[in-house]
Each structure stands twice: as structure tokens, then as C-alpha cells.
Protein backbone atom coordinates (compact mmCIF):
# COMPACT_ATOMS: atom_id res chain seq x y z
CA MET A 1 -15.51 81.28 -0.89
CA VAL A 2 -17.81 82.47 1.88
CA GLU A 3 -20.47 85.12 1.60
CA ALA A 4 -22.57 86.23 4.52
CA GLN A 5 -25.86 88.02 4.11
CA GLN A 6 -27.71 89.73 6.91
CA SER A 7 -31.43 90.20 6.81
CA GLU A 8 -33.42 92.77 8.70
CA ALA A 9 -34.82 90.09 11.00
CA THR A 10 -32.90 89.88 14.25
CA ALA A 11 -32.80 87.46 17.12
CA PRO A 12 -34.18 88.57 20.48
CA ALA A 13 -31.72 90.56 22.58
CA GLY A 14 -29.25 88.40 24.46
CA SER A 15 -29.91 85.25 22.45
CA ALA A 16 -28.04 83.73 19.56
CA ARG A 17 -29.81 82.50 16.47
CA PRO A 18 -29.91 78.76 15.99
CA LEU A 19 -27.92 77.59 12.99
CA ILE A 20 -28.92 75.10 10.30
CA VAL A 21 -26.41 73.69 7.80
CA VAL A 22 -27.80 72.75 4.37
CA GLY A 23 -26.09 70.61 1.76
CA TYR A 24 -26.92 72.16 -1.62
CA SER A 25 -26.47 71.28 -5.26
CA SER A 26 -28.57 72.36 -8.22
CA LYS A 27 -29.89 68.79 -8.56
CA PRO A 28 -33.45 68.03 -7.36
CA GLU A 29 -32.23 66.58 -4.06
CA GLY A 30 -30.16 69.71 -3.36
CA ARG A 31 -33.10 71.95 -4.21
CA ALA A 32 -35.31 69.88 -1.84
CA ALA A 33 -32.76 70.33 0.97
CA LEU A 34 -32.66 74.10 0.40
CA LYS A 35 -36.46 74.37 0.30
CA ARG A 36 -36.74 72.52 3.61
CA GLY A 37 -33.86 74.52 5.06
CA LEU A 38 -35.60 77.79 4.26
CA ALA A 39 -38.84 76.51 5.82
CA GLU A 40 -37.08 75.30 8.98
CA ALA A 41 -35.06 78.51 9.32
CA GLY A 42 -38.25 80.54 9.06
CA LEU A 43 -39.99 78.44 11.73
CA ARG A 44 -37.02 78.50 14.10
CA HIS A 45 -35.80 82.05 13.36
CA ALA A 46 -32.50 80.44 12.43
CA GLU A 47 -29.55 81.33 10.26
CA LEU A 48 -28.63 79.10 7.32
CA VAL A 49 -25.17 78.03 6.26
CA VAL A 50 -25.48 76.60 2.76
CA VAL A 51 -22.60 74.38 1.68
CA HIS A 52 -22.64 73.97 -2.10
CA THR A 53 -20.90 72.15 -4.92
CA SER A 54 -22.48 74.20 -7.71
CA LEU A 55 -21.12 76.17 -10.64
CA ASP A 56 -20.72 79.95 -10.29
CA VAL A 57 -23.78 80.64 -12.47
CA GLU A 58 -25.94 78.45 -10.23
CA VAL A 59 -24.52 80.05 -7.09
CA ALA A 60 -25.72 83.47 -8.28
CA ASP A 61 -29.26 82.07 -8.49
CA LEU A 62 -28.84 80.47 -5.05
CA ARG A 63 -27.75 83.75 -3.50
CA ALA A 64 -30.64 85.61 -5.13
CA GLU A 65 -33.11 83.08 -3.70
CA LEU A 66 -31.56 83.36 -0.23
CA VAL A 67 -31.59 87.16 -0.29
CA GLU A 68 -35.25 87.11 -1.35
CA SER A 69 -36.13 84.82 1.57
CA GLY A 70 -34.99 87.41 4.13
CA ILE A 71 -33.33 84.70 6.21
CA PRO A 72 -29.77 85.38 7.40
CA PHE A 73 -27.38 83.14 5.52
CA GLU A 74 -23.85 82.27 4.64
CA VAL A 75 -22.83 80.45 1.45
CA LYS A 76 -19.77 78.19 1.55
CA GLU A 77 -18.23 76.34 -1.33
CA ALA A 78 -17.21 72.78 -0.51
CA ALA A 79 -13.42 72.61 -0.75
CA ASP A 80 -13.65 69.20 -2.43
CA ALA A 81 -16.65 68.91 -4.77
CA LEU A 82 -16.23 65.13 -4.74
CA ASP A 83 -16.44 64.97 -0.91
CA PRO A 84 -18.90 67.61 0.31
CA ALA A 85 -19.68 65.48 3.39
CA GLU A 86 -16.47 66.64 5.10
CA GLU A 87 -17.38 70.30 4.62
CA LEU A 88 -20.92 69.72 5.94
CA LEU A 89 -19.64 67.86 8.99
CA SER A 90 -16.87 70.31 9.84
CA THR A 91 -19.13 73.34 9.32
CA ALA A 92 -21.85 71.88 11.53
CA GLU A 93 -19.37 71.00 14.26
CA SER A 94 -17.38 74.24 14.22
CA ARG A 95 -20.53 76.39 14.18
CA ASP A 96 -22.48 74.28 16.71
CA ALA A 97 -25.36 73.69 14.30
CA GLU A 98 -28.78 72.64 15.54
CA PHE A 99 -28.97 70.17 12.65
CA ILE A 100 -27.93 69.41 9.08
CA ILE A 101 -30.31 69.05 6.13
CA ILE A 102 -29.36 66.89 3.16
CA GLY A 103 -31.30 65.77 0.11
CA LEU A 104 -31.61 62.16 -1.00
CA ARG A 105 -32.36 61.01 -4.51
CA ARG A 106 -34.71 58.22 -5.43
CA ARG A 107 -32.97 54.95 -6.15
CA SER A 108 -33.66 51.79 -8.09
CA PRO A 109 -34.46 48.63 -6.07
CA VAL A 110 -30.80 47.61 -6.25
CA GLY A 111 -29.64 51.15 -5.45
CA LYS A 112 -31.79 51.15 -2.33
CA LEU A 113 -29.45 48.59 -0.83
CA LEU A 114 -26.70 51.19 -0.92
CA LEU A 115 -27.09 54.72 0.38
CA GLY A 116 -24.97 57.35 -1.34
CA SER A 117 -21.57 57.55 0.31
CA ASN A 118 -21.82 61.29 1.10
CA ALA A 119 -25.30 60.95 2.60
CA GLN A 120 -24.28 57.87 4.56
CA ARG A 121 -21.20 59.59 5.92
CA VAL A 122 -23.17 62.64 7.06
CA LEU A 123 -25.88 60.49 8.66
CA LEU A 124 -23.38 58.33 10.53
CA ASP A 125 -20.68 60.85 11.46
CA ALA A 126 -22.61 64.02 12.31
CA ALA A 127 -22.43 65.20 15.91
CA CYS A 128 -25.89 66.78 15.54
CA PRO A 129 -29.24 65.54 14.16
CA VAL A 130 -29.54 65.14 10.38
CA LEU A 131 -32.74 65.68 8.43
CA ALA A 132 -32.75 63.81 5.12
CA VAL A 133 -35.37 64.94 2.60
CA LYS A 134 -36.42 63.36 -0.69
CA ALA A 135 -36.49 65.25 -3.94
CA GLU A 136 -39.96 65.93 -5.28
């Protein structure tokens, strides 16, 4: 499912808006990625494409927050909730994204030896820069 929302803010004539892809879930790391994505989009006058793996109820809250921000956005549901990395990578590549933002969770000392497989895949396979943010 894809939903696009236009805000009243527009890019200067003759120029395209930069695009930022955000990996979102309702977990703290997903919220951190969205928060940073909104901040970066505001600074860069960019459009957001938010790829999510959330339940419908949570998506309604996500859309409300995006509408309130006034930043142009599109919400995409990851086709495979167990492998959102593929959706992030393909969206970023097909839309020529400036960068991708993902959230990372805090890990135990043993867990620090292994990065989450989705995060690792995005970091290693993305054709554009990736900004990884920690949950608060």
C-alpha cells in the first residue's frame, strides 16, 4: 500500500526535491529513525518515503504525524515484514534517494558482536549513504 501526501511547501522552480528513505517501525529504533528523517527533510527541503512494517492502527498514527509535519511524504508497506531491508534498498535505488535512515537498537555486549541482519544488509548493500541512529 502506498499513500502520497503533498504539503504546501514546494521546491524551487526547475528543481526536484531531494528524497530521503526512512525505515520505520513503532519500536523505539523506528521512532528514532522517523524523528531524524523529519529533521533532515526539514533541513534539506526533502521529501520522505517511509517504509514501514507496522500494524494498520500504528500506520494511522504515523500518517497523522507526517501530515502534521508539513513535509511531503509517501508511506510504503514493506512487502515482506520479515525482510524490510529489500524494500528499503529497492525504494532508495528506484527513487534515487539522497540517503537512507535506519534505527539501531541497543545491544548487550554479546549482541554488539552481531549487527541486526536487516541493518547490516542495508549498510552494506545500499547504493547511497546510510544514516544509522540509536533509539533514545
